[in-house]
Amino acid sequence: MDPFLQSIPKAELHLHIEGALEPRLMFELAERNRVPLRFKSVEEVRAAYRFTDLQSFLDIYYEGSRVLLKEADFHDLTAAYLRKAAEQGVRHAEIFFDPQAHTDRGVPFETVLDGIESALRETRISTRLILCFLRHLSADAAMKTLERALPHKGRIAGVGLDSSEKGHPPIKFAKVFERARAAGLRAVAHAGEEGPPEYIRQALDVLKAERIDHGVRCVEDPPLVKRLKEARIPLTVCPLSNIRLRVFDSMERHNIKTLLDEGLCVCVNSDDPAYFGGYVAENFAAVKEALGLSPADIRRLAKNSFEGSFLPPEEKRRLMDEVEKHPAA
């Protein structure tokens, strides 16, 4: 690993904490909680990570989440991610969690939140938590989850939208996001990964999303690209994820360099690193090698990650200055 890519200060804005469940920890928690797994070994789990699309990934993702039952499980999962992130120069992380994936199994909302938060208190990385709604479920289910979360809104920075994009446009959740914004929560949304550019427009216009998670299909709509550029709407791009889920055929065909050169506020993230073959530094390394990114490109991506964050403006500026001064070798 290039030491520059590993050490340059960066923020991670697109990380699903359940997607950081490494196979070894999955087995440990399964044994601890007496949850049967259909896999017999870590190697067998890794061999199953051959996805044909988003849904094929989500099927195994939700299966793995079944081992998360107790506060200690969510603590251990989050702590493991934060250790890895700190090793890779992450100074700030805005972490997604999917409470519906757990409450629908009978795990109390508070168990999830308390476990994650207990690990956040132990790290030097600054953090924000973003509650994501599962878009393949109903808007009513999302609203019930939001109402359950609102007593804890001081511990949650915002809401997001994830899971199966096809057939589940952002407009489906208009009232849920309106309620969340009225409660003072920030808004982000997955859009333009498998779904069309119109989903990005809906996320911006209907959900009032402040940033777009993925967003790589914006290039199919030049006026939308112009809008994203002029408004400095962040796009939290996840290169390794995009390849593993067949959004692009190869890293050489990924459009993150094009988006960067167009002047968009794109940044590099790991999405679900345990499933897609790498954390944020590995994602930087993959695009650098495949697309010939220069040190200046890497700096722009790192600076964009802080610009796109929910940090206060003065903290953003301080960290962006650190990126600029960080030695390239």
Protein backbone atom coordinates (compact mmCIF):
# COMPACT_ATOMS: atom_id res chain seq x y z
CA MET A 1 0.00 0.00 0.00
CA ASP A 2 1.28 3.47 -0.95
CA PRO A 3 1.99 5.25 2.38
CA PHE A 4 0.61 8.49 0.91
CA LEU A 5 -2.77 6.91 0.21
CA GLN A 6 -2.89 5.35 3.64
CA SER A 7 -1.81 8.36 5.66
CA ILE A 8 -3.38 11.34 3.90
CA PRO A 9 -6.18 12.75 6.12
CA LYS A 10 -9.60 11.78 4.82
CA ALA A 11 -13.25 11.52 5.80
CA GLU A 12 -15.43 8.50 5.09
CA LEU A 13 -19.00 9.54 4.32
CA HIS A 14 -20.43 6.31 2.89
CA LEU A 15 -19.92 3.37 5.23
CA HIS A 16 -22.61 0.91 6.30
CA ILE A 17 -21.55 -0.39 9.68
CA GLU A 18 -23.25 -3.74 9.05
CA GLY A 19 -21.15 -3.97 5.89
CA ALA A 20 -17.97 -3.91 7.98
CA LEU A 21 -18.80 -7.32 9.46
CA GLU A 22 -15.71 -9.34 8.57
CA PRO A 23 -16.23 -13.11 8.21
CA ARG A 24 -14.04 -13.92 11.21
CA LEU A 25 -16.09 -11.64 13.46
CA MET A 26 -19.29 -13.05 11.92
CA PHE A 27 -18.25 -16.52 13.08
CA GLU A 28 -17.24 -15.27 16.53
CA LEU A 29 -20.60 -13.58 17.06
CA ALA A 30 -22.50 -16.55 15.66
CA GLU A 31 -20.81 -18.80 18.20
CA ARG A 32 -21.28 -16.29 21.02
CA ASN A 33 -24.98 -15.90 20.26
CA ARG A 34 -25.62 -19.49 19.11
CA VAL A 35 -26.81 -18.37 15.69
CA PRO A 36 -26.48 -21.11 13.04
CA LEU A 37 -24.70 -20.16 9.82
CA ARG A 38 -24.99 -22.02 6.53
CA PHE A 39 -21.26 -21.45 6.02
CA LYS A 40 -18.74 -23.81 7.57
CA SER A 41 -15.62 -21.63 7.39
CA VAL A 42 -14.31 -18.12 6.82
CA GLU A 43 -13.04 -19.24 3.43
CA GLU A 44 -16.50 -20.47 2.45
CA VAL A 45 -18.01 -17.12 3.42
CA ARG A 46 -15.48 -15.24 1.31
CA ALA A 47 -16.12 -17.58 -1.61
CA ALA A 48 -19.80 -16.57 -1.48
CA TYR A 49 -18.91 -12.92 -2.09
CA ARG A 50 -19.33 -13.16 -5.84
CA PHE A 51 -22.20 -10.84 -6.61
CA THR A 52 -24.06 -10.33 -9.85
CA ASP A 53 -25.92 -7.20 -8.79
CA LEU A 54 -27.03 -5.20 -5.76
CA GLN A 55 -29.74 -7.67 -4.73
CA SER A 56 -27.40 -10.67 -4.74
CA PHE A 57 -25.19 -8.76 -2.31
CA LEU A 58 -28.09 -7.66 -0.10
CA ASP A 59 -29.28 -11.24 0.31
CA ILE A 60 -26.03 -12.30 1.98
CA TYR A 61 -25.62 -8.93 3.73
CA TYR A 62 -28.89 -9.35 5.62
CA GLU A 63 -28.06 -12.98 6.36
CA GLY A 64 -24.81 -11.93 8.00
CA SER A 65 -26.58 -9.29 10.07
CA ARG A 66 -28.48 -12.04 11.91
CA VAL A 67 -25.51 -12.61 14.22
CA LEU A 68 -25.88 -9.07 15.62
CA LEU A 69 -28.15 -9.43 18.63
CA LYS A 70 -26.67 -7.73 21.68
CA GLU A 71 -25.22 -4.36 22.53
CA ALA A 72 -21.76 -5.90 22.77
CA ASP A 73 -22.08 -7.21 19.20
CA PHE A 74 -22.73 -3.76 17.78
CA HIS A 75 -19.90 -2.37 19.91
CA ASP A 76 -17.42 -4.96 18.66
CA LEU A 77 -18.47 -4.47 15.03
CA THR A 78 -18.12 -0.68 15.24
CA ALA A 79 -14.87 -0.77 17.19
CA ALA A 80 -13.30 -3.08 14.60
CA TYR A 81 -14.22 -0.70 11.78
CA LEU A 82 -12.93 2.34 13.64
CA ARG A 83 -9.57 0.69 14.34
CA LYS A 84 -9.16 -0.09 10.66
CA ALA A 85 -10.29 3.38 9.61
CA ALA A 86 -7.84 5.06 11.97
CA GLU A 87 -4.99 2.99 10.49
CA GLN A 88 -5.95 4.32 7.05
CA GLY A 89 -5.94 8.02 7.84
CA VAL A 90 -9.67 8.48 8.42
CA ARG A 91 -10.09 11.52 10.64
CA HIS A 92 -13.88 11.75 10.42
CA ALA A 93 -16.52 9.11 9.68
CA GLU A 94 -20.23 9.51 9.03
CA ILE A 95 -21.56 6.04 9.63
CA PHE A 96 -24.79 4.55 8.28
CA PHE A 97 -26.76 2.04 10.30
CA ASP A 98 -29.89 0.09 9.32
CA PRO A 99 -32.11 -0.28 12.39
CA GLN A 100 -34.90 -2.01 10.45
CA ALA A 101 -32.54 -4.89 9.65
CA HIS A 102 -32.40 -5.51 13.40
CA THR A 103 -35.69 -4.33 14.89
CA ASP A 104 -37.56 -6.56 12.43
CA ARG A 105 -35.68 -9.47 14.07
CA GLY A 106 -36.72 -8.37 17.55
CA VAL A 107 -33.53 -6.51 18.46
CA PRO A 108 -34.49 -3.29 20.29
CA PHE A 109 -33.59 -0.01 18.58
CA GLU A 110 -31.78 1.11 21.72
CA THR A 111 -29.58 -2.00 21.71
CA VAL A 112 -28.35 -1.12 18.23
CA LEU A 113 -27.78 2.55 18.98
CA ASP A 114 -26.20 2.05 22.40
CA GLY A 115 -23.81 -0.59 21.10
CA ILE A 116 -22.62 1.50 18.17
CA GLU A 117 -22.34 4.64 20.27
CA SER A 118 -20.32 2.93 23.00
CA ALA A 119 -17.60 2.22 20.40
CA LEU A 120 -17.77 5.76 19.01
CA ARG A 121 -16.92 7.11 22.46
CA GLU A 122 -13.69 5.09 22.48
CA THR A 123 -12.18 6.44 19.26
CA ARG A 124 -10.27 9.61 18.44
CA ILE A 125 -11.98 9.78 15.06
CA SER A 126 -14.78 12.33 14.98
CA THR A 127 -18.05 10.70 13.98
CA ARG A 128 -21.68 11.25 13.04
CA LEU A 129 -24.42 8.61 12.85
CA ILE A 130 -26.90 8.46 9.98
CA LEU A 131 -30.00 6.31 10.26
CA CYS A 132 -30.88 4.71 6.93
CA PHE A 133 -34.32 3.52 5.88
CA LEU A 134 -34.55 0.29 3.88
CA ARG A 135 -36.19 1.39 0.65
CA HIS A 136 -37.47 -2.10 -0.25
CA LEU A 137 -39.74 -1.83 2.79
CA SER A 138 -42.76 0.46 2.97
CA ALA A 139 -42.80 4.18 3.69
CA ASP A 140 -45.04 3.40 6.67
CA ALA A 141 -42.36 1.12 8.08
CA ALA A 142 -39.79 3.87 7.58
CA MET A 143 -42.02 6.38 9.36
CA LYS A 144 -42.44 4.03 12.32
CA THR A 145 -38.67 3.64 12.51
CA LEU A 146 -38.23 7.40 12.41
CA GLU A 147 -40.74 7.92 15.22
CA ARG A 148 -38.90 5.30 17.25
CA ALA A 149 -35.63 7.16 16.65
CA LEU A 150 -36.80 10.71 17.36
CA PRO A 151 -36.47 10.44 21.16
CA HIS A 152 -32.76 9.84 20.42
CA LYS A 153 -32.37 12.53 17.76
CA GLY A 154 -29.59 14.22 19.71
CA ARG A 155 -27.48 11.13 19.01
CA ILE A 156 -28.28 10.92 15.29
CA ALA A 157 -27.08 13.50 12.77
CA GLY A 158 -29.30 12.62 9.86
CA VAL A 159 -31.30 10.12 7.85
CA GLY A 160 -30.50 8.30 4.64
CA LEU A 161 -32.01 5.86 2.17
CA ASP A 162 -30.40 2.58 1.15
CA SER A 163 -31.05 -1.04 0.08
CA SER A 164 -32.59 -2.08 -3.29
CA GLU A 165 -32.76 0.97 -5.54
CA LYS A 166 -34.58 -0.46 -8.56
CA GLY A 167 -38.31 0.11 -8.33
CA HIS A 168 -38.06 2.16 -5.15
CA PRO A 169 -37.76 5.84 -6.15
CA PRO A 170 -36.91 8.44 -3.53
CA ILE A 171 -40.34 10.05 -3.89
CA LYS A 172 -41.78 7.00 -2.11
CA PHE A 173 -40.27 8.38 1.12
CA ALA A 174 -41.17 12.06 0.70
CA LYS A 175 -43.26 12.33 3.89
CA VAL A 176 -40.71 10.43 5.96
CA PHE A 177 -37.91 12.79 4.99
CA GLU A 178 -40.16 15.81 5.48
CA ARG A 179 -40.83 14.65 9.03
CA ALA A 180 -37.12 14.02 9.64
CA ARG A 181 -36.11 17.46 8.38
CA ALA A 182 -38.78 19.08 10.54
CA ALA A 183 -37.17 17.36 13.52
CA GLY A 184 -33.83 18.93 12.61
CA LEU A 185 -32.15 15.92 11.02
CA ARG A 186 -29.91 16.24 7.95
CA ALA A 187 -30.77 14.28 4.80
CA VAL A 188 -28.73 12.14 2.40
CA ALA A 189 -29.85 9.43 -0.02
CA HIS A 190 -28.52 6.61 -2.17
CA ALA A 191 -29.39 7.41 -5.77
CA GLY A 192 -27.99 6.89 -9.25
CA GLU A 193 -26.19 3.61 -8.54
CA GLU A 194 -28.54 1.11 -10.18
CA GLY A 195 -31.36 3.63 -10.44
CA PRO A 196 -31.56 6.31 -13.16
CA PRO A 197 -30.48 9.97 -12.94
CA GLU A 198 -34.13 10.84 -12.24
CA TYR A 199 -33.67 9.24 -8.81
CA ILE A 200 -30.88 11.73 -8.11
CA ARG A 201 -33.20 14.59 -9.06
CA GLN A 202 -35.92 13.21 -6.79
CA ALA A 203 -33.45 12.86 -3.91
CA LEU A 204 -32.48 16.52 -4.32
CA ASP A 205 -35.89 18.02 -5.09
CA VAL A 206 -38.24 15.84 -3.04
CA LEU A 207 -36.13 14.54 -0.17
CA LYS A 208 -33.96 17.70 -0.07
CA ALA A 209 -30.88 15.52 0.24
CA GLU A 210 -27.72 17.49 0.99
CA ARG A 211 -25.52 14.87 -0.65
CA ILE A 212 -25.95 11.90 -2.92
CA ASP A 213 -24.58 8.48 -2.06
CA HIS A 214 -23.11 6.92 -5.22
CA GLY A 215 -24.61 9.17 -7.91
CA VAL A 216 -22.34 7.82 -10.65
CA ARG A 217 -25.15 7.63 -13.22
CA CYS A 218 -25.48 11.42 -13.18
CA VAL A 219 -23.26 11.47 -16.29
CA GLU A 220 -26.24 10.27 -18.33
CA ASP A 221 -27.89 13.65 -17.70
CA PRO A 222 -25.57 16.60 -18.56
CA PRO A 223 -27.89 19.27 -17.06
CA LEU A 224 -27.87 17.29 -13.82
CA VAL A 225 -24.07 17.16 -13.87
CA LYS A 226 -24.04 20.94 -14.30
CA ARG A 227 -26.39 21.34 -11.35
CA LEU A 228 -24.35 19.05 -9.11
CA LYS A 229 -21.19 20.93 -10.01
CA GLU A 230 -22.58 24.42 -9.49
CA ALA A 231 -24.26 23.54 -6.19
CA ARG A 232 -21.24 21.53 -4.95
CA ILE A 233 -23.51 18.61 -4.10
CA PRO A 234 -21.22 15.87 -2.73
CA LEU A 235 -21.22 12.45 -4.38
CA THR A 236 -19.98 9.70 -2.07
CA VAL A 237 -18.53 7.28 -4.62
CA CYS A 238 -17.56 3.70 -3.70
CA PRO A 239 -15.27 2.31 -6.42
CA LEU A 240 -14.70 -1.28 -5.26
CA SER A 241 -18.39 -1.63 -4.51
CA ASN A 242 -19.26 -0.40 -8.00
CA ILE A 243 -17.08 -3.06 -9.58
CA ARG A 244 -18.21 -5.93 -7.33
CA LEU A 245 -21.87 -5.06 -7.98
CA ARG A 246 -21.36 -4.70 -11.73
CA VAL A 247 -22.16 -0.99 -11.93
CA PHE A 248 -18.98 -0.82 -14.05
CA ASP A 249 -17.36 -3.71 -15.89
CA SER A 250 -13.89 -2.83 -14.66
CA MET A 251 -12.10 -0.20 -12.59
CA GLU A 252 -10.55 1.16 -15.79
CA ARG A 253 -14.07 2.06 -16.93
CA HIS A 254 -15.09 3.76 -13.67
CA ASN A 255 -16.09 7.40 -14.10
CA ILE A 256 -14.77 8.88 -10.84
CA LYS A 257 -11.83 10.54 -12.63
CA THR A 258 -14.25 12.02 -15.18
CA LEU A 259 -16.46 13.36 -12.40
CA LEU A 260 -13.44 14.79 -10.60
CA ASP A 261 -12.16 16.48 -13.76
CA GLU A 262 -15.65 17.92 -14.35
CA GLY A 263 -15.26 19.72 -11.03
CA LEU A 264 -17.81 17.75 -9.03
CA CYS A 265 -17.43 17.26 -5.29
CA VAL A 266 -16.73 13.52 -5.49
CA CYS A 267 -15.00 11.56 -2.74
CA VAL A 268 -13.84 7.98 -2.19
CA ASN A 269 -15.53 5.63 0.29
CA SER A 270 -15.71 1.91 1.06
CA ASP A 271 -19.49 1.28 1.34
CA ASP A 272 -19.44 -2.30 2.73
CA PRO A 273 -15.71 -3.06 3.03
CA ALA A 274 -15.98 -6.58 4.45
CA TYR A 275 -17.92 -7.67 1.37
CA PHE A 276 -16.25 -5.67 -1.39
CA GLY A 277 -12.58 -6.32 -0.80
CA GLY A 278 -11.22 -3.23 0.86
CA TYR A 279 -11.50 -0.25 3.17
CA VAL A 280 -11.08 3.34 2.10
CA ALA A 281 -7.32 3.21 1.41
CA GLU A 282 -7.78 0.13 -0.80
CA ASN A 283 -10.44 2.06 -2.72
CA PHE A 284 -8.02 4.95 -3.23
CA ALA A 285 -5.35 2.50 -4.37
CA ALA A 286 -7.69 0.80 -6.84
CA VAL A 287 -8.69 4.01 -8.61
CA LYS A 288 -5.15 5.39 -8.54
CA GLU A 289 -3.77 2.31 -10.26
CA ALA A 290 -6.58 1.86 -12.78
CA LEU A 291 -7.14 5.50 -13.69
CA GLY A 292 -3.68 6.97 -13.18
CA LEU A 293 -4.65 9.44 -10.49
CA SER A 294 -2.00 12.00 -9.62
CA PRO A 295 -1.12 13.17 -6.08
CA ALA A 296 -3.11 16.32 -6.90
CA ASP A 297 -6.15 14.16 -7.75
CA ILE A 298 -5.78 12.27 -4.47
CA ARG A 299 -5.62 15.55 -2.55
CA ARG A 300 -8.76 16.83 -4.28
CA LEU A 301 -10.64 13.65 -3.42
CA ALA A 302 -9.51 13.86 0.22
CA LYS A 303 -10.39 17.55 0.47
CA ASN A 304 -13.78 16.86 -1.09
CA SER A 305 -14.47 14.28 1.61
CA PHE A 306 -14.17 16.94 4.30
CA GLU A 307 -16.05 19.53 2.25
CA GLY A 308 -18.95 17.09 1.86
CA SER A 309 -19.11 16.21 5.55
CA PHE A 310 -21.42 17.50 8.28
CA LEU A 311 -18.49 18.98 10.19
CA PRO A 312 -18.60 22.68 11.16
CA PRO A 313 -17.10 24.99 8.49
CA GLU A 314 -14.04 25.90 10.54
CA GLU A 315 -13.22 22.22 11.15
CA LYS A 316 -13.64 21.46 7.46
CA ARG A 317 -11.18 24.23 6.57
CA ARG A 318 -8.64 23.03 9.14
CA LEU A 319 -8.70 19.47 7.86
CA MET A 320 -8.60 20.54 4.21
CA ASP A 321 -5.50 22.58 5.03
CA GLU A 322 -3.95 19.46 6.57
CA VAL A 323 -4.63 17.57 3.35
CA GLU A 324 -2.92 20.28 1.31
CA LYS A 325 0.16 20.23 3.53
CA HIS A 326 0.42 16.44 3.77
CA PRO A 327 3.64 15.20 2.13
CA ALA A 328 3.22 13.11 -1.00
CA ALA A 329 6.20 10.90 -0.23
